[in-house]
N, C-alpha and C. Protein backbone atom coordinates (compact mmCIF):
# COMPACT_ATOMS: atom_id res chain seq x y z
N MET A 1 34.58 50.32 18.42
CA MET A 1 34.81 50.08 19.80
C MET A 1 34.49 48.84 20.29
N PHE A 2 33.83 48.20 19.85
CA PHE A 2 33.61 46.76 20.24
C PHE A 2 34.90 45.94 20.29
N GLY A 3 35.53 46.06 19.01
CA GLY A 3 36.72 45.32 18.35
C GLY A 3 38.04 45.60 19.21
N LEU A 4 38.00 46.65 19.83
CA LEU A 4 39.44 47.17 20.61
C LEU A 4 39.12 47.23 22.20
N TRP A 5 38.00 47.40 22.76
CA TRP A 5 37.59 47.55 23.94
C TRP A 5 36.41 46.71 24.25
N LYS A 6 36.16 46.59 25.81
CA LYS A 6 34.87 46.00 25.80
C LYS A 6 33.60 46.87 26.52
N PRO A 7 33.04 47.44 25.72
CA PRO A 7 32.10 48.53 26.31
C PRO A 7 30.89 47.81 26.98
N ARG A 8 30.43 48.29 28.08
CA ARG A 8 29.28 47.87 28.71
C ARG A 8 28.52 48.72 28.72
N VAL A 9 27.28 48.54 28.13
CA VAL A 9 26.19 49.46 27.38
C VAL A 9 25.22 49.35 28.68
N LEU A 10 24.72 50.40 29.45
CA LEU A 10 23.54 49.99 30.26
C LEU A 10 22.32 51.43 29.88
N GLY A 11 21.37 51.29 29.86
CA GLY A 11 20.17 52.01 29.58
C GLY A 11 20.28 52.89 28.41
N ALA A 12 20.51 52.19 27.45
CA ALA A 12 20.53 53.11 25.84
C ALA A 12 19.12 53.03 25.67
N TRP A 13 18.23 52.13 26.13
CA TRP A 13 16.73 52.02 25.71
C TRP A 13 16.38 53.52 26.04
N ARG A 14 16.78 54.32 27.15
CA ARG A 14 16.33 55.55 27.80
C ARG A 14 16.44 56.52 26.64
N MET A 15 17.42 56.56 25.51
CA MET A 15 17.25 57.57 24.97
C MET A 15 15.96 57.35 23.77
N PRO A 16 15.57 58.61 23.84
CA PRO A 16 14.37 58.88 22.93
C PRO A 16 14.80 58.09 21.32
N ALA A 17 13.51 57.41 21.09
CA ALA A 17 13.83 56.52 19.72
C ALA A 17 13.83 57.42 18.55
N THR A 18 13.12 58.81 18.76
CA THR A 18 12.89 59.69 17.59
C THR A 18 13.07 60.96 18.16
N GLY A 19 13.15 61.96 17.15
CA GLY A 19 13.00 63.50 17.65
C GLY A 19 14.37 63.77 18.37
N PRO A 20 14.38 65.33 18.62
CA PRO A 20 15.68 65.49 18.95
C PRO A 20 16.03 65.48 20.45
N ALA A 21 17.43 65.05 20.82
CA ALA A 21 17.73 65.09 21.87
C ALA A 21 19.13 65.27 21.90
N ILE A 22 19.62 65.63 23.02
CA ILE A 22 20.91 66.12 23.36
C ILE A 22 21.56 65.21 24.54
N LEU A 23 22.72 64.72 23.97
CA LEU A 23 23.63 63.78 24.99
C LEU A 23 24.49 64.72 25.48
N ALA A 24 24.52 64.67 27.21
CA ALA A 24 25.45 65.31 27.66
C ALA A 24 26.25 64.47 28.65
N VAL A 25 27.59 64.30 27.81
CA VAL A 25 28.45 63.28 28.21
C VAL A 25 29.50 63.98 29.25
N ASN A 26 30.04 62.97 30.15
CA ASN A 26 31.30 63.51 30.86
C ASN A 26 32.48 63.30 30.14
N HIS A 27 33.47 63.85 30.43
CA HIS A 27 34.53 63.89 29.34
C HIS A 27 35.75 63.72 30.21
N SER A 28 36.61 62.50 30.44
CA SER A 28 37.98 62.60 30.82
C SER A 28 38.93 61.81 30.49
N HIS A 29 38.75 61.64 28.93
CA HIS A 29 39.57 60.83 28.29
C HIS A 29 39.19 61.08 26.98
N ASN A 30 40.26 61.09 26.06
CA ASN A 30 39.85 61.74 24.57
C ASN A 30 39.19 60.18 23.94
N ILE A 31 38.80 59.24 24.58
CA ILE A 31 38.35 58.25 23.86
C ILE A 31 36.49 58.00 24.28
N ASP A 32 36.09 58.97 24.93
CA ASP A 32 34.89 59.28 25.40
C ASP A 32 33.91 59.43 24.51
N GLY A 33 34.21 60.49 23.57
CA GLY A 33 33.26 60.89 22.33
C GLY A 33 33.23 59.69 21.56
N PRO A 34 34.19 59.23 20.98
CA PRO A 34 34.20 58.14 19.97
C PRO A 34 33.40 56.73 20.66
N MET A 35 33.75 56.75 21.81
CA MET A 35 32.96 55.63 22.60
C MET A 35 31.64 55.74 22.63
N VAL A 36 30.72 56.88 22.86
CA VAL A 36 29.67 57.17 22.77
C VAL A 36 28.93 57.06 21.52
N MET A 37 29.58 57.40 20.54
CA MET A 37 29.17 57.79 18.69
C MET A 37 29.20 56.09 18.53
N GLY A 38 30.32 55.14 18.99
CA GLY A 38 30.29 53.71 18.65
C GLY A 38 28.83 53.01 19.52
N VAL A 39 28.62 53.68 20.42
CA VAL A 39 27.47 52.49 21.03
C VAL A 39 26.10 53.04 21.06
N ALA A 40 26.08 54.53 20.92
CA ALA A 40 24.62 55.13 20.97
C ALA A 40 23.62 54.25 20.13
N PRO A 41 22.53 54.43 20.44
CA PRO A 41 21.48 53.63 19.45
C PRO A 41 21.07 54.74 18.33
N ARG A 42 21.52 55.61 18.28
CA ARG A 42 21.15 56.64 17.22
C ARG A 42 22.62 57.27 16.52
N PRO A 43 22.54 58.06 15.57
CA PRO A 43 23.69 58.67 14.93
C PRO A 43 23.71 60.08 15.60
N THR A 44 25.08 60.20 16.31
CA THR A 44 25.09 61.59 17.26
C THR A 44 26.20 62.38 16.57
N HIS A 45 25.74 63.58 16.55
CA HIS A 45 26.72 64.56 16.05
C HIS A 45 27.44 65.49 17.30
N PHE A 46 28.43 65.33 17.29
CA PHE A 46 29.12 66.15 18.81
C PHE A 46 29.71 67.31 18.04
N LEU A 47 29.62 68.27 19.18
CA LEU A 47 30.56 69.39 18.89
C LEU A 47 31.93 69.57 19.25
N ILE A 48 33.00 69.38 18.38
CA ILE A 48 34.52 68.95 18.67
C ILE A 48 35.12 70.40 18.26
N LYS A 49 36.12 70.34 19.23
CA LYS A 49 36.98 71.58 19.05
C LYS A 49 37.44 71.80 17.75
N LYS A 50 38.04 72.77 17.04
CA LYS A 50 38.32 72.77 16.02
C LYS A 50 39.70 72.50 15.57
N GLU A 51 40.28 72.29 16.58
CA GLU A 51 42.26 72.21 16.77
C GLU A 51 42.05 70.39 16.41
N ALA A 52 40.88 69.75 16.66
CA ALA A 52 40.91 68.15 16.24
C ALA A 52 40.76 67.90 14.75
N PHE A 53 40.30 68.84 14.04
CA PHE A 53 40.00 68.90 12.34
C PHE A 53 41.14 69.34 11.78
N VAL A 54 41.90 68.24 11.86
CA VAL A 54 43.32 68.54 10.71
C VAL A 54 43.96 67.28 10.27
N GLY A 55 44.30 67.53 9.05
CA GLY A 55 44.51 66.56 7.80
C GLY A 55 43.52 65.43 7.75
N PRO A 56 43.70 64.41 7.86
CA PRO A 56 42.75 63.35 7.41
C PRO A 56 41.58 63.07 8.50
N LEU A 57 42.21 63.47 9.63
CA LEU A 57 41.06 63.33 10.73
C LEU A 57 40.08 63.98 10.71
N GLY A 58 40.45 65.09 10.00
CA GLY A 58 39.55 66.43 10.21
C GLY A 58 38.14 66.15 8.77
N ALA A 59 39.21 65.70 7.74
CA ALA A 59 37.98 65.17 6.79
C ALA A 59 36.97 63.72 7.49
N PHE A 60 37.63 63.15 8.32
CA PHE A 60 36.99 61.99 8.53
C PHE A 60 35.78 62.37 9.54
N LEU A 61 36.40 63.35 10.25
CA LEU A 61 34.96 63.88 11.24
C LEU A 61 34.01 64.57 10.55
N SER A 62 34.12 65.46 9.62
CA SER A 62 33.45 66.04 9.04
C SER A 62 32.51 65.18 8.08
N GLY A 63 33.20 63.94 7.47
CA GLY A 63 32.49 63.03 6.63
C GLY A 63 31.37 62.30 7.85
N ILE A 64 31.79 61.98 8.66
CA ILE A 64 30.77 61.35 9.72
C ILE A 64 29.73 62.57 10.40
N GLY A 65 29.67 63.58 9.94
CA GLY A 65 28.69 64.28 10.60
C GLY A 65 29.07 65.10 11.90
N GLN A 66 30.33 65.42 12.35
CA GLN A 66 30.91 65.97 13.49
C GLN A 66 30.63 67.47 13.26
N LEU A 67 30.75 68.31 14.51
CA LEU A 67 30.80 69.74 14.07
C LEU A 67 31.95 70.41 14.86
N LYS A 68 32.49 71.12 14.10
CA LYS A 68 33.63 71.85 14.32
C LYS A 68 33.56 73.42 15.11
N VAL A 69 33.85 73.42 16.25
CA VAL A 69 33.43 74.49 17.25
C VAL A 69 34.83 75.19 17.84
N ASP A 70 34.94 76.65 17.52
CA ASP A 70 35.64 77.29 18.10
C ASP A 70 35.46 77.47 19.52
N ARG A 71 36.18 77.29 20.58
CA ARG A 71 35.79 77.58 21.65
C ARG A 71 36.17 78.78 22.22
N ALA A 72 37.16 79.32 21.46
CA ALA A 72 37.31 80.51 22.14
C ALA A 72 36.48 82.11 21.83
N SER A 73 35.67 81.72 21.13
CA SER A 73 34.46 82.82 21.15
C SER A 73 33.04 82.19 20.66
N ALA A 74 31.96 82.84 20.48
CA ALA A 74 30.75 82.40 20.38
C ALA A 74 30.59 82.16 18.97
N ASP A 75 30.78 80.88 18.57
CA ASP A 75 30.90 80.26 17.00
C ASP A 75 29.52 79.89 16.59
N ARG A 76 29.13 81.38 15.94
CA ARG A 76 27.71 81.52 15.32
C ARG A 76 27.42 80.33 14.51
N ALA A 77 28.81 80.06 13.45
CA ALA A 77 28.36 78.87 12.35
C ALA A 77 28.29 77.53 12.98
N ALA A 78 28.82 77.35 14.03
CA ALA A 78 28.51 75.94 14.92
C ALA A 78 27.18 75.95 15.59
N ILE A 79 27.00 77.26 16.37
CA ILE A 79 25.80 76.95 17.13
C ILE A 79 24.38 76.83 15.93
N GLY A 80 24.54 77.64 14.94
CA GLY A 80 23.62 77.39 13.77
C GLY A 80 23.36 75.70 13.19
N GLN A 81 24.88 75.30 12.78
CA GLN A 81 24.91 73.84 12.84
C GLN A 81 24.10 72.78 13.94
N ALA A 82 24.49 73.39 15.14
CA ALA A 82 23.98 72.19 16.15
C ALA A 82 22.47 72.67 16.36
N LEU A 83 21.80 73.60 16.28
CA LEU A 83 20.67 73.87 16.19
C LEU A 83 19.75 73.07 15.31
N GLY A 84 20.37 73.18 13.97
CA GLY A 84 19.95 72.61 12.64
C GLY A 84 19.87 71.08 12.86
N VAL A 85 20.83 70.64 13.55
CA VAL A 85 20.81 69.04 14.11
C VAL A 85 19.39 68.60 14.76
N LEU A 86 19.01 69.61 15.75
CA LEU A 86 18.04 69.17 16.69
C LEU A 86 16.71 69.67 15.95
N GLU A 87 16.80 70.67 15.12
CA GLU A 87 15.72 71.22 14.30
C GLU A 87 14.85 69.94 13.49
N ASN A 88 16.12 69.48 13.02
CA ASN A 88 15.81 68.23 11.95
C ASN A 88 15.73 66.74 13.03
N GLY A 89 15.27 67.14 14.24
CA GLY A 89 15.10 65.75 14.84
C GLY A 89 16.43 64.66 15.14
N GLY A 90 17.40 65.13 14.91
CA GLY A 90 18.91 64.67 15.39
C GLY A 90 19.29 64.63 16.89
N VAL A 91 20.48 63.78 16.67
CA VAL A 91 21.01 63.89 18.23
C VAL A 91 22.39 64.57 18.19
N LEU A 92 22.43 65.83 19.47
CA LEU A 92 23.26 66.37 19.39
C LEU A 92 24.19 65.80 20.70
N GLY A 93 25.34 65.71 20.42
CA GLY A 93 26.40 65.27 21.56
C GLY A 93 27.27 66.34 22.01
N ILE A 94 27.11 66.86 23.60
CA ILE A 94 27.79 67.96 23.97
C ILE A 94 28.64 67.23 25.39
N PHE A 95 29.91 68.02 25.37
CA PHE A 95 30.69 67.48 26.61
C PHE A 95 30.52 69.06 27.38
N PRO A 96 29.49 68.83 28.44
CA PRO A 96 29.28 69.85 28.80
C PRO A 96 30.25 70.91 29.78
N GLU A 97 31.27 70.03 30.31
CA GLU A 97 32.37 71.13 30.99
C GLU A 97 33.14 71.67 29.78
N GLY A 98 33.00 71.29 28.56
CA GLY A 98 33.68 72.24 27.65
C GLY A 98 35.20 71.64 27.32
N THR A 99 35.80 70.80 28.04
CA THR A 99 36.91 70.15 28.08
C THR A 99 37.06 69.26 28.94
N ARG A 100 38.34 68.19 28.09
CA ARG A 100 38.56 66.92 29.10
C ARG A 100 39.08 67.77 30.65
N GLY A 101 38.60 66.72 31.59
CA GLY A 101 38.90 66.99 33.11
C GLY A 101 38.57 65.84 33.98
N GLU A 102 38.30 66.06 34.92
CA GLU A 102 37.89 65.07 35.67
C GLU A 102 36.53 64.33 35.79
N GLY A 103 36.00 64.91 34.50
CA GLY A 103 34.68 64.21 34.26
C GLY A 103 33.52 63.88 35.51
N ASP A 104 33.40 64.92 36.01
CA ASP A 104 32.53 64.97 37.08
C ASP A 104 31.20 66.00 36.98
N PHE A 105 31.55 66.55 36.11
CA PHE A 105 30.28 67.53 35.84
C PHE A 105 30.56 68.53 36.52
N ALA A 106 31.30 69.02 37.51
CA ALA A 106 31.78 70.08 38.28
C ALA A 106 31.87 71.49 38.11
N SER A 107 32.20 71.56 36.65
CA SER A 107 31.85 72.94 36.32
C SER A 107 31.24 73.18 35.00
N LEU A 108 29.98 73.73 34.79
CA LEU A 108 29.34 73.29 33.46
C LEU A 108 29.53 74.70 32.53
N ARG A 109 29.45 74.78 31.59
CA ARG A 109 29.56 75.91 30.52
C ARG A 109 27.98 76.02 30.22
N ALA A 110 27.76 77.02 29.94
CA ALA A 110 26.31 77.71 29.36
C ALA A 110 25.77 77.21 28.11
N GLY A 111 26.62 76.31 27.40
CA GLY A 111 26.37 76.12 25.85
C GLY A 111 25.24 75.04 26.00
N LEU A 112 25.27 73.76 26.98
CA LEU A 112 24.36 72.72 26.91
C LEU A 112 22.59 73.33 27.27
N ALA A 113 22.95 74.35 28.33
CA ALA A 113 21.55 75.04 28.82
C ALA A 113 20.89 75.82 27.38
N TYR A 114 21.95 76.46 26.64
CA TYR A 114 21.46 77.14 25.80
C TYR A 114 20.61 76.47 24.76
N PHE A 115 21.33 75.34 24.19
CA PHE A 115 20.76 74.48 22.97
C PHE A 115 19.53 73.63 23.79
N ALA A 116 19.71 73.24 24.96
CA ALA A 116 18.45 72.72 25.63
C ALA A 116 17.06 73.42 25.71
N VAL A 117 17.34 74.74 26.31
CA VAL A 117 16.36 75.71 26.62
C VAL A 117 15.73 76.21 24.99
N ARG A 118 16.51 76.56 24.20
CA ARG A 118 16.30 76.97 22.94
C ARG A 118 15.72 76.19 21.99
N SER A 119 16.00 74.91 22.15
CA SER A 119 15.39 73.80 21.16
C SER A 119 14.37 73.15 22.07
N GLY A 120 14.26 73.19 22.95
CA GLY A 120 13.39 71.97 23.88
C GLY A 120 13.53 70.57 23.59
N ALA A 121 14.64 70.39 23.15
CA ALA A 121 14.95 68.86 23.09
C ALA A 121 15.17 68.34 24.75
N PRO A 122 15.15 67.35 24.79
CA PRO A 122 15.32 66.70 26.00
C PRO A 122 16.93 66.49 26.15
N ILE A 123 17.42 66.18 27.13
CA ILE A 123 18.94 66.04 27.74
C ILE A 123 19.08 64.59 28.34
N VAL A 124 19.70 63.69 27.89
CA VAL A 124 20.13 62.44 28.08
C VAL A 124 21.44 62.71 28.72
N PRO A 125 21.75 62.42 30.00
CA PRO A 125 22.86 62.17 30.59
C PRO A 125 23.60 60.94 30.34
N VAL A 126 24.70 60.87 29.98
CA VAL A 126 25.46 59.87 29.52
C VAL A 126 27.01 59.63 30.64
N ALA A 127 27.14 58.66 31.06
CA ALA A 127 28.46 58.94 31.97
C ALA A 127 29.10 57.53 31.37
N VAL A 128 30.21 58.03 31.07
CA VAL A 128 31.74 56.95 30.55
C VAL A 128 32.53 56.69 31.51
N LEU A 129 32.90 55.66 32.38
CA LEU A 129 33.45 55.29 33.14
C LEU A 129 34.34 54.20 32.80
N GLY A 130 35.86 54.37 33.42
CA GLY A 130 36.45 53.27 32.99
C GLY A 130 37.57 53.91 32.04
N SER A 131 37.45 54.69 31.35
CA SER A 131 37.97 55.22 30.09
C SER A 131 39.51 55.75 30.76
N SER A 132 39.60 56.25 31.90
CA SER A 132 40.95 57.11 32.16
C SER A 132 41.38 56.38 33.50
N ASP A 133 41.03 55.10 33.70
CA ASP A 133 41.55 54.54 34.60
C ASP A 133 42.86 54.20 34.88
N ARG A 134 43.21 53.46 33.90
CA ARG A 134 45.08 53.41 33.44
C ARG A 134 45.23 53.49 32.11
N PRO A 135 46.38 53.92 31.86
CA PRO A 135 46.78 53.84 30.50
C PRO A 135 47.00 52.46 29.76
N GLY A 136 47.05 52.42 28.52
CA GLY A 136 47.42 51.44 27.63
C GLY A 136 48.89 51.05 27.91
N ARG A 137 49.24 49.77 27.49
CA ARG A 137 50.69 49.22 27.64
C ARG A 137 51.44 49.87 26.09
N LEU A 138 50.45 49.46 24.95
CA LEU A 138 50.87 49.77 24.03
C LEU A 138 50.85 51.27 23.43
N VAL A 139 49.91 51.93 23.67
CA VAL A 139 49.68 53.17 23.54
C VAL A 139 49.08 53.87 24.76
N LYS A 140 49.85 54.88 25.56
CA LYS A 140 49.62 55.24 26.51
C LYS A 140 48.51 56.07 26.60
N GLY A 141 48.09 56.68 25.24
CA GLY A 141 47.01 57.81 25.22
C GLY A 141 45.85 57.25 25.31
N LEU A 142 45.54 55.63 25.37
CA LEU A 142 44.48 55.02 25.45
C LEU A 142 44.44 54.17 26.41
N PRO A 143 43.02 53.67 26.61
CA PRO A 143 42.63 52.73 27.72
C PRO A 143 43.45 51.45 27.11
N PRO A 144 43.97 50.43 28.02
CA PRO A 144 44.17 49.31 27.85
C PRO A 144 43.42 48.67 26.69
N LEU A 145 44.02 48.11 25.64
CA LEU A 145 43.02 47.22 24.53
C LEU A 145 42.07 45.75 25.18
N ARG A 146 41.07 45.73 25.07
CA ARG A 146 39.85 44.76 25.83
C ARG A 146 39.74 45.13 26.83
N SER A 147 40.26 46.31 27.29
CA SER A 147 39.56 47.03 28.72
C SER A 147 37.97 47.20 29.00
N ARG A 148 37.36 47.13 29.90
CA ARG A 148 35.91 47.54 30.03
C ARG A 148 35.63 48.93 30.39
N VAL A 149 34.78 49.49 29.51
CA VAL A 149 34.77 50.76 29.59
C VAL A 149 33.06 50.71 29.61
N ASP A 150 32.53 51.29 30.80
CA ASP A 150 31.10 51.36 30.73
C ASP A 150 30.64 52.78 30.43
N VAL A 151 29.28 52.81 29.54
CA VAL A 151 28.36 53.86 28.82
C VAL A 151 27.38 53.58 29.61
N VAL A 152 26.78 54.35 30.58
CA VAL A 152 25.40 54.19 31.44
C VAL A 152 24.74 55.70 30.79
N PHE A 153 23.54 55.44 29.93
CA PHE A 153 22.67 56.37 29.87
C PHE A 153 21.64 56.61 30.78
N GLY A 154 21.38 57.71 31.15
CA GLY A 154 20.36 58.01 32.21
C GLY A 154 18.74 58.41 31.46
N ASP A 155 17.91 58.86 32.33
CA ASP A 155 16.60 59.30 31.90
C ASP A 155 16.65 60.77 31.37
N PRO A 156 15.93 60.74 30.44
CA PRO A 156 15.84 62.27 29.66
C PRO A 156 15.30 63.18 30.43
N PHE A 157 15.57 64.26 30.27
CA PHE A 157 15.07 65.47 31.17
C PHE A 157 14.68 66.77 30.73
N GLU A 158 13.98 67.66 30.81
CA GLU A 158 13.84 68.79 30.27
C GLU A 158 14.61 69.98 31.25
N ALA A 159 15.38 70.74 30.48
CA ALA A 159 16.17 71.68 31.21
C ALA A 159 15.15 73.02 31.54
N GLY A 160 14.40 73.58 30.76
CA GLY A 160 13.58 74.75 31.25
C GLY A 160 12.79 74.25 32.14
N ASP A 161 12.18 75.34 32.59
CA ASP A 161 11.13 75.69 33.77
C ASP A 161 9.76 75.26 33.23
N GLY A 162 9.81 75.64 31.67
CA GLY A 162 8.15 75.19 31.07
C GLY A 162 7.79 76.87 30.49
N SER A 163 8.49 77.75 31.22
CA SER A 163 8.21 79.09 30.77
C SER A 163 8.36 79.55 29.43
N GLY A 164 9.19 78.90 28.79
CA GLY A 164 9.97 78.97 27.40
C GLY A 164 10.66 80.59 27.59
N ARG A 165 11.46 81.26 28.54
CA ARG A 165 12.17 82.13 28.65
C ARG A 165 13.37 81.68 28.44
N ARG A 166 14.22 82.52 27.32
CA ARG A 166 15.54 82.30 27.15
C ARG A 166 16.45 83.58 27.58
N THR A 167 16.07 84.08 28.78
CA THR A 167 16.74 84.89 29.31
C THR A 167 18.09 84.78 30.16
N ARG A 168 19.24 85.40 30.40
CA ARG A 168 20.34 84.91 30.99
C ARG A 168 19.93 84.19 32.29
N ARG A 169 18.89 85.12 33.21
CA ARG A 169 18.54 84.15 34.50
C ARG A 169 17.92 82.72 34.23
N ALA A 170 17.20 83.00 33.04
CA ALA A 170 16.54 81.36 32.64
C ALA A 170 17.66 80.12 32.70
N LEU A 171 18.80 80.77 31.66
CA LEU A 171 19.78 80.02 31.19
C LEU A 171 20.46 79.67 32.35
N ASP A 172 20.85 80.61 33.41
CA ASP A 172 21.76 80.11 34.36
C ASP A 172 20.80 79.34 35.42
N GLU A 173 19.47 79.49 35.29
CA GLU A 173 18.78 78.54 36.36
C GLU A 173 18.68 77.09 35.64
N ALA A 174 18.42 77.18 34.48
CA ALA A 174 18.63 75.93 33.63
C ALA A 174 19.86 75.23 33.87
N THR A 175 21.12 75.83 33.75
CA THR A 175 22.49 75.60 34.04
C THR A 175 22.30 74.58 35.37
N GLU A 176 21.68 75.28 36.28
CA GLU A 176 21.88 74.84 37.90
C GLU A 176 21.12 73.45 37.77
N ARG A 177 20.02 73.53 37.26
CA ARG A 177 19.09 72.20 37.19
C ARG A 177 19.69 71.13 36.53
N ILE A 178 20.53 71.25 35.25
CA ILE A 178 21.49 70.52 34.52
C ILE A 178 22.30 69.84 35.41
N GLN A 179 23.11 70.71 36.03
CA GLN A 179 24.31 70.15 36.86
C GLN A 179 23.76 69.01 37.90
N LYS A 180 22.84 69.53 38.46
CA LYS A 180 22.18 68.83 39.55
C LYS A 180 21.90 67.16 39.21
N GLN A 181 21.10 67.21 38.05
CA GLN A 181 20.59 66.05 37.17
C GLN A 181 22.02 65.40 36.72
N LEU A 182 22.56 65.94 36.22
CA LEU A 182 24.00 65.38 35.68
C LEU A 182 24.89 64.70 36.80
N THR A 183 24.78 65.51 37.97
CA THR A 183 25.76 65.01 39.03
C THR A 183 24.96 63.89 39.55
N SER A 184 23.71 63.48 39.81
CA SER A 184 23.00 62.69 40.41
C SER A 184 23.10 61.37 39.44
N HIS A 185 23.02 61.48 38.08
CA HIS A 185 23.04 60.48 37.24
C HIS A 185 24.72 59.84 37.49
N LEU A 186 25.73 60.73 37.50
CA LEU A 186 27.05 60.40 37.33
C LEU A 186 27.39 59.37 38.99
N GLU A 187 26.67 59.81 39.98
CA GLU A 187 26.44 59.00 41.35
C GLU A 187 25.79 57.74 40.71
N ASN A 188 24.75 57.88 40.45
CA ASN A 188 23.86 56.72 40.32
C ASN A 188 24.71 55.49 39.09
N ALA A 189 25.22 55.93 38.06
CA ALA A 189 26.21 55.12 37.33
C ALA A 189 27.49 54.60 37.72
N ARG A 190 27.70 55.27 38.86
CA ARG A 190 29.28 54.93 39.71
C ARG A 190 28.47 53.82 40.65
N ARG A 191 27.57 53.90 41.16
CA ARG A 191 27.27 52.88 42.15
C ARG A 191 26.67 51.40 41.13
N LEU A 192 25.75 51.84 39.93
CA LEU A 192 25.42 50.71 39.57
C LEU A 192 26.76 49.75 38.97
N THR A 193 27.56 50.49 38.39
CA THR A 193 28.80 49.93 37.88
C THR A 193 30.01 49.34 38.94
N GLY A 194 29.84 49.92 40.03
CA GLY A 194 31.13 49.59 40.91
C GLY A 194 31.97 50.18 40.73
N ARG A 195 32.09 51.77 39.96
CA ARG A 195 33.47 52.46 39.75
C ARG A 195 33.42 53.61 40.55
């Protein structure tokens, strides 16, 4: 990432040095996940759509510990693998919106709340800014080479209410709390970076 672009990483010290953690990353460009993997202070295992696991790329993604998920159903294998990462004290990366979009955390899926409440792992909000500002001249699907991409890590927070409840209502309430935290972090990151 540092060879192709100029990432500016802010707040990486906020990420817990040990123990389980969940990175909740906004997603507006296909480079966002690799950028976070490349600059995060700890190895990160992202949940990635199964459609990306084709040919040599699929072998590469599996080889570096990324998790294949079927977004069309409740993928029990992927859920088990993701919980295993957290149980072993690892870092799980999630795009809480479920797919690439505006990257504004406007509509979250319930997966992030489920993993956070079930595991008790803190959520670290991560804003990637500048990856989708303009297309590159050589490769339209990537940001321009040597352009600046900001990656801003926020303060870790707990998603649950402390009760330990895992009901549908508890997950819905956790999703609301998460959305407020992520939206606030994104606003702060934009203010901090001037984007």
